[in-house]
N, C-alpha and C. Protein backbone atom coordinates (compact mmCIF):
# COMPACT_ATOMS: atom_id res chain seq x y z
N LEU A 1 -11.51 -11.98 -6.91
CA LEU A 1 -9.85 -11.61 -6.51
C LEU A 1 -9.22 -11.44 -7.65
N THR A 2 -8.95 -12.00 -9.10
CA THR A 2 -8.10 -11.31 -9.63
C THR A 2 -8.64 -10.20 -10.43
N GLU A 3 -9.74 -9.53 -10.31
CA GLU A 3 -9.94 -8.42 -10.72
C GLU A 3 -9.75 -7.23 -9.59
N MET A 4 -9.91 -7.32 -8.67
CA MET A 4 -8.88 -6.77 -7.84
C MET A 4 -7.92 -6.59 -7.99
N VAL A 5 -6.75 -7.83 -7.77
CA VAL A 5 -5.53 -7.86 -8.44
C VAL A 5 -4.89 -6.63 -9.84
N ALA A 6 -6.07 -6.80 -10.43
CA ALA A 6 -5.95 -6.13 -11.75
C ALA A 6 -6.01 -4.93 -11.64
N LEU A 7 -7.07 -4.40 -11.44
CA LEU A 7 -7.02 -2.97 -10.50
C LEU A 7 -6.14 -2.38 -9.99
N LEU A 8 -5.57 -3.16 -9.40
CA LEU A 8 -4.06 -2.51 -8.18
C LEU A 8 -3.12 -2.36 -9.28
N ASN A 9 -3.20 -3.05 -10.41
CA ASN A 9 -1.59 -3.53 -11.16
C ASN A 9 -2.27 -2.05 -11.87
N ILE A 10 -3.43 -1.79 -12.35
CA ILE A 10 -3.62 -0.83 -13.25
C ILE A 10 -3.33 0.89 -12.65
N LEU A 11 -3.66 0.73 -11.37
CA LEU A 11 -3.79 2.00 -10.63
C LEU A 11 -2.41 2.46 -10.54
N GLU A 12 -1.34 1.03 -10.27
CA GLU A 12 0.32 1.31 -9.86
C GLU A 12 0.93 1.90 -11.71
N VAL A 13 0.17 1.34 -12.37
CA VAL A 13 0.97 1.92 -13.60
C VAL A 13 0.07 3.47 -13.93
N PHE A 14 -1.17 3.56 -13.87
CA PHE A 14 -1.78 4.74 -13.75
C PHE A 14 -0.86 5.42 -12.96
N MET A 15 -0.37 5.62 -11.78
CA MET A 15 0.31 6.49 -10.88
C MET A 15 1.84 6.90 -11.46
N LYS A 16 2.41 6.00 -12.05
CA LYS A 16 3.93 6.06 -12.44
C LYS A 16 4.05 6.89 -13.78
N HIS A 17 2.64 6.86 -14.33
CA HIS A 17 2.67 7.20 -15.47
C HIS A 17 2.37 9.07 -15.65
N THR A 18 1.57 8.88 -14.42
CA THR A 18 0.63 10.17 -14.67
C THR A 18 1.64 11.37 -13.52
N ALA A 19 2.28 10.50 -12.49
CA ALA A 19 2.88 11.01 -11.78
C ALA A 19 2.67 12.21 -11.20
N GLU A 20 3.56 13.33 -11.42
CA GLU A 20 3.06 15.23 -10.80
C GLU A 20 1.64 15.07 -11.12
N GLY A 21 1.05 14.84 -12.19
CA GLY A 21 -0.65 15.00 -12.14
C GLY A 21 -1.10 14.22 -11.87
N TYR A 22 -1.11 13.17 -10.86
CA TYR A 22 -1.59 12.70 -9.71
C TYR A 22 -1.86 13.31 -8.61
N ILE A 23 -0.81 14.08 -8.33
CA ILE A 23 -0.14 14.98 -6.82
C ILE A 23 -0.91 16.39 -7.14
N HIS A 24 -0.37 16.80 -8.37
CA HIS A 24 -1.50 18.30 -9.08
C HIS A 24 -1.95 18.30 -10.06
N PRO A 25 -3.06 19.36 -10.21
CA PRO A 25 -3.31 20.21 -9.26
C PRO A 25 -4.32 19.56 -8.28
N VAL A 26 -5.11 18.30 -8.47
CA VAL A 26 -5.93 18.12 -7.53
C VAL A 26 -5.11 16.20 -6.93
N ASP A 27 -5.36 16.49 -5.89
CA ASP A 27 -4.67 15.77 -4.87
C ASP A 27 -4.94 14.25 -5.05
N PHE A 28 -4.72 13.53 -5.15
CA PHE A 28 -5.67 11.74 -5.36
C PHE A 28 -4.65 11.39 -4.33
N VAL A 29 -4.09 11.66 -3.85
CA VAL A 29 -3.05 10.59 -2.40
C VAL A 29 -3.66 10.10 -1.50
N ARG A 30 -4.06 11.32 -0.80
CA ARG A 30 -5.29 11.11 0.71
C ARG A 30 -6.23 10.19 0.09
N PRO A 31 -7.11 10.78 -0.94
CA PRO A 31 -8.55 9.30 -1.08
C PRO A 31 -8.13 7.88 -1.26
N THR A 32 -6.67 8.06 -2.01
CA THR A 32 -6.29 6.43 -2.93
C THR A 32 -5.63 6.04 -1.03
N SER A 33 -4.68 6.60 -1.06
CA SER A 33 -4.12 5.76 0.49
C SER A 33 -5.30 5.49 1.74
N GLU A 34 -6.57 6.48 1.60
CA GLU A 34 -7.83 5.75 2.28
C GLU A 34 -8.18 4.20 2.31
N THR A 35 -8.27 4.56 0.48
CA THR A 35 -8.91 3.39 -0.07
C THR A 35 -7.97 2.28 0.24
N LEU A 36 -7.23 2.19 -0.08
CA LEU A 36 -6.07 1.08 0.16
C LEU A 36 -5.59 0.58 1.45
N ALA A 37 -5.77 1.39 2.19
CA ALA A 37 -5.30 1.04 3.64
C ALA A 37 -6.77 0.31 4.13
N LYS A 38 -7.63 0.31 3.62
CA LYS A 38 -8.77 -0.80 4.38
C LYS A 38 -8.39 -2.14 3.51
N LEU A 39 -7.58 -2.00 2.29
CA LEU A 39 -7.31 -3.65 1.77
C LEU A 39 -5.86 -4.15 2.79
N LEU A 40 -5.22 -3.17 3.60
CA LEU A 40 -4.07 -3.89 4.37
C LEU A 40 -4.49 -4.43 5.62
N CYS A 41 -5.27 -3.92 5.78
CA CYS A 41 -5.57 -4.80 7.20
C CYS A 41 -6.74 -5.94 7.13
N SER A 42 -5.81 -7.48 7.46
CA SER A 42 -6.34 -8.56 7.81
C SER A 42 -7.42 -8.75 8.26
N ASN A 43 -7.88 -7.67 9.36
CA ASN A 43 -9.03 -7.65 10.27
C ASN A 43 -10.35 -8.61 10.04
N PRO A 44 -10.37 -9.87 10.35
CA PRO A 44 -11.78 -10.25 9.75
C PRO A 44 -13.28 -9.57 9.92
N SER A 45 -13.26 -8.62 10.97
CA SER A 45 -14.49 -7.52 11.25
C SER A 45 -14.71 -6.40 10.23
N SER A 46 -13.18 -6.27 9.59
CA SER A 46 -13.85 -4.82 8.98
C SER A 46 -14.65 -5.46 7.42
N GLU A 47 -14.85 -4.38 6.88
CA GLU A 47 -15.69 -4.46 5.80
C GLU A 47 -14.70 -5.13 4.32
N VAL A 48 -13.87 -5.49 4.61
CA VAL A 48 -13.12 -6.10 3.60
C VAL A 48 -12.53 -7.84 3.91
N SER A 49 -12.72 -8.56 3.21
CA SER A 49 -12.22 -10.13 3.94
C SER A 49 -10.60 -9.70 3.69
N PRO A 50 -9.84 -11.05 4.59
CA PRO A 50 -8.76 -10.94 4.84
C PRO A 50 -7.89 -10.90 3.78
N ILE A 51 -6.97 -10.50 3.65
CA ILE A 51 -6.32 -10.39 2.71
C ILE A 51 -5.37 -11.47 1.86
N THR A 52 -5.23 -11.67 1.10
CA THR A 52 -4.21 -12.93 0.21
C THR A 52 -3.24 -12.62 -0.06
N SER A 53 -2.53 -13.50 -0.64
CA SER A 53 -1.14 -13.04 -0.81
C SER A 53 -1.07 -12.33 -2.44
N GLU A 54 -2.32 -12.87 -2.96
CA GLU A 54 -2.35 -12.35 -4.37
C GLU A 54 -2.58 -10.67 -4.55
N ILE A 55 -3.43 -10.59 -3.62
CA ILE A 55 -3.76 -9.02 -3.39
C ILE A 55 -2.90 -8.10 -2.50
N ARG A 56 -1.64 -8.96 -1.93
CA ARG A 56 -0.81 -8.43 -1.21
C ARG A 56 0.52 -8.31 -2.13
N SER A 57 0.37 -9.15 -3.08
CA SER A 57 1.23 -8.80 -3.81
C SER A 57 1.58 -7.97 -4.85
N ALA A 58 0.03 -7.35 -5.25
CA ALA A 58 -0.15 -6.42 -6.16
C ALA A 58 -0.45 -4.66 -5.14
N LEU A 59 -0.82 -4.99 -3.95
CA LEU A 59 -0.75 -3.84 -2.84
C LEU A 59 0.27 -3.15 -2.74
N TYR A 60 1.06 -3.62 -2.01
CA TYR A 60 2.13 -3.34 -1.92
C TYR A 60 3.06 -2.83 -2.48
N PRO A 61 3.23 -3.14 -3.85
CA PRO A 61 3.94 -2.18 -4.95
C PRO A 61 3.38 -0.94 -5.29
N CYS A 62 1.88 -1.23 -5.38
CA CYS A 62 1.29 0.51 -5.46
C CYS A 62 1.21 1.14 -4.51
N TRP A 63 1.34 0.68 -2.94
CA TRP A 63 1.41 1.46 -1.79
C TRP A 63 2.94 2.26 -2.39
N ALA A 64 4.03 1.38 -2.47
CA ALA A 64 5.05 1.79 -2.63
C ALA A 64 5.31 2.97 -3.57
N GLU A 65 4.58 2.87 -4.68
CA GLU A 65 4.43 4.09 -5.73
C GLU A 65 3.74 5.05 -5.03
N LEU A 66 2.65 5.22 -4.15
CA LEU A 66 2.05 5.84 -3.90
C LEU A 66 3.17 6.85 -2.89
N VAL A 67 3.64 6.29 -2.38
CA VAL A 67 4.64 6.89 -1.21
C VAL A 67 6.27 7.64 -2.34
N GLY A 68 6.74 7.26 -3.36
CA GLY A 68 7.82 7.39 -4.51
C GLY A 68 6.69 8.97 -4.71
N LEU A 69 5.58 8.72 -5.14
CA LEU A 69 4.77 9.95 -5.45
C LEU A 69 5.00 11.12 -5.13
N VAL A 70 5.17 11.13 -3.58
CA VAL A 70 4.66 11.88 -2.74
C VAL A 70 6.00 12.56 -1.92
N THR A 71 6.97 11.49 -2.14
CA THR A 71 8.30 11.54 -1.64
C THR A 71 9.04 13.11 -1.43
N PRO A 72 8.92 13.72 -3.40
CA PRO A 72 9.48 14.77 -3.18
C PRO A 72 9.24 15.92 -2.80
N VAL A 73 7.45 15.86 -2.47
CA VAL A 73 6.54 17.47 -2.48
C VAL A 73 6.08 16.99 -1.13
N ASN A 74 6.05 16.29 -0.18
CA ASN A 74 5.29 16.56 1.06
C ASN A 74 6.14 15.39 1.90
N PRO A 75 7.51 15.62 2.14
CA PRO A 75 7.85 14.45 3.80
C PRO A 75 6.52 14.31 4.81
N GLN A 76 5.75 15.69 5.16
CA GLN A 76 4.88 14.79 6.31
C GLN A 76 3.76 13.38 5.62
N LEU A 77 3.53 14.04 4.46
CA LEU A 77 2.31 13.28 4.51
C LEU A 77 3.00 11.18 3.91
N VAL A 78 4.37 11.84 3.70
CA VAL A 78 5.13 10.55 3.39
C VAL A 78 5.34 10.15 4.72
N SER A 79 5.79 10.64 5.34
CA SER A 79 5.52 9.75 7.23
C SER A 79 4.62 9.25 7.21
N GLU A 80 3.01 9.92 7.20
CA GLU A 80 1.99 9.47 7.33
C GLU A 80 1.46 8.22 6.91
N LEU A 81 2.12 7.82 5.58
CA LEU A 81 1.78 6.80 4.40
C LEU A 81 2.47 5.69 5.06
N VAL A 82 3.63 6.20 5.71
CA VAL A 82 5.42 5.04 5.81
C VAL A 82 4.14 5.02 7.28
N GLN A 83 3.87 5.51 8.29
CA GLN A 83 3.24 5.09 9.58
C GLN A 83 2.73 4.25 9.18
N ASN A 84 1.43 4.91 8.13
CA ASN A 84 0.02 4.07 8.36
C ASN A 84 0.20 2.47 7.82
N PHE A 85 1.19 2.18 6.70
CA PHE A 85 2.08 1.03 6.32
C PHE A 85 1.95 -0.48 7.36
N VAL A 86 3.03 0.81 8.31
CA VAL A 86 3.66 -0.33 8.77
C VAL A 86 2.97 -0.54 10.03
N ASP A 87 2.05 0.47 10.71
CA ASP A 87 1.26 -0.25 11.85
C ASP A 87 0.65 -1.40 11.35
N LYS A 88 -0.49 -0.79 10.09
CA LYS A 88 -1.01 -2.10 9.77
C LYS A 88 -0.71 -3.29 9.35
N VAL A 89 0.56 -3.66 8.60
CA VAL A 89 1.17 -4.49 8.11
C VAL A 89 2.04 -4.63 9.25
N GLY A 90 2.05 -4.46 10.17
CA GLY A 90 3.13 -4.87 11.45
C GLY A 90 2.55 -5.81 12.22
N SER A 91 0.84 -5.17 12.52
CA SER A 91 0.24 -5.95 13.38
C SER A 91 -0.44 -6.88 12.68
N ASP A 92 -0.40 -7.34 11.43
CA ASP A 92 -0.63 -8.59 10.94
C ASP A 92 0.82 -9.44 10.73
N LEU A 93 1.86 -8.90 10.82
CA LEU A 93 3.06 -9.79 10.79
C LEU A 93 3.38 -10.45 11.87
N VAL A 94 3.12 -9.71 13.47
CA VAL A 94 3.67 -10.47 14.28
C VAL A 94 2.21 -11.86 14.85
N LYS A 95 1.40 -11.72 14.08
CA LYS A 95 0.34 -12.77 14.13
C LYS A 95 0.60 -13.89 13.03
N ALA A 96 1.30 -13.53 11.94
CA ALA A 96 1.70 -14.36 11.08
C ALA A 96 2.57 -15.60 11.57
N ASP A 97 1.82 -16.88 10.91
CA ASP A 97 2.79 -18.38 11.19
C ASP A 97 3.13 -18.94 10.42
N GLU A 98 2.83 -18.35 8.95
CA GLU A 98 3.45 -18.87 7.89
C GLU A 98 4.70 -18.02 7.52
N ALA A 99 5.47 -19.09 6.88
CA ALA A 99 7.19 -18.16 6.52
C ALA A 99 6.86 -17.40 5.42
N ASP A 100 6.19 -17.89 4.29
CA ASP A 100 6.04 -16.83 3.23
C ASP A 100 5.13 -15.41 3.20
N GLU A 101 4.23 -15.53 4.24
CA GLU A 101 3.25 -14.53 4.59
C GLU A 101 4.74 -13.49 5.61
N ILE A 102 5.24 -14.10 6.26
CA ILE A 102 6.10 -13.25 6.77
C ILE A 102 7.30 -12.59 6.45
N ALA A 103 7.55 -13.08 5.45
CA ALA A 103 8.79 -12.60 4.26
C ALA A 103 8.14 -11.63 3.05
N SER A 104 6.90 -11.83 3.07
CA SER A 104 6.29 -11.13 2.47
C SER A 104 5.67 -9.75 2.90
N MET A 105 5.56 -9.62 3.80
CA MET A 105 4.64 -8.64 5.19
C MET A 105 6.16 -7.43 5.46
N ALA A 106 7.56 -8.63 5.62
CA ALA A 106 8.63 -7.49 6.04
C ALA A 106 9.41 -6.94 4.85
N MET A 107 9.06 -7.74 3.57
CA MET A 107 9.82 -7.32 2.23
C MET A 107 8.60 -6.19 2.08
N GLY A 108 7.76 -6.05 2.13
CA GLY A 108 6.85 -4.83 1.82
C GLY A 108 6.81 -3.35 3.22
N ILE A 109 7.32 -3.89 4.02
CA ILE A 109 7.86 -2.99 4.56
C ILE A 109 8.89 -2.12 4.69
N VAL A 110 10.19 -2.71 4.19
CA VAL A 110 11.17 -2.76 4.01
C VAL A 110 11.33 -1.90 2.25
N THR A 111 10.22 -2.41 1.42
CA THR A 111 10.15 -2.03 -0.03
C THR A 111 9.16 0.16 0.43
N ILE A 112 8.54 0.09 1.34
CA ILE A 112 7.90 1.49 1.10
C ILE A 112 9.26 2.08 2.08
N ILE A 113 9.67 1.81 3.48
CA ILE A 113 10.31 2.50 3.83
C ILE A 113 11.72 2.80 2.70
N ASN A 114 12.18 2.28 2.01
CA ASN A 114 12.99 2.72 1.19
C ASN A 114 12.55 3.58 0.00
N ARG A 115 11.33 3.37 -0.27
CA ARG A 115 10.52 4.52 -1.61
C ARG A 115 10.70 5.80 -0.82
N ALA A 116 10.63 5.84 0.55
CA ALA A 116 10.12 6.91 1.22
C ALA A 116 11.50 7.92 1.32
């Protein structure tokens, strides 16, 4: 768990510091979003275990950075990234029953939308 959070934090920093190089000449956005999307959902039958608050606190800013990178260059992809995030997190949000989880997911959605 600690290693996964550390890797998400490193990925966020990497995207921030490479910015346009992360998008051009080779597009790393789609493979990154596909991989991160597997972590977004807390479906117990998925290949990834349920999301924890520690992973969520590292994953959401990483996804926001990805959206921020794409916003100036590919509006269609931004729309896909935001919709994917809202769909996955929103489905968990309606099932959540703890206030801190609800607040975290809601703030994650707000952050993603603001970055778009």
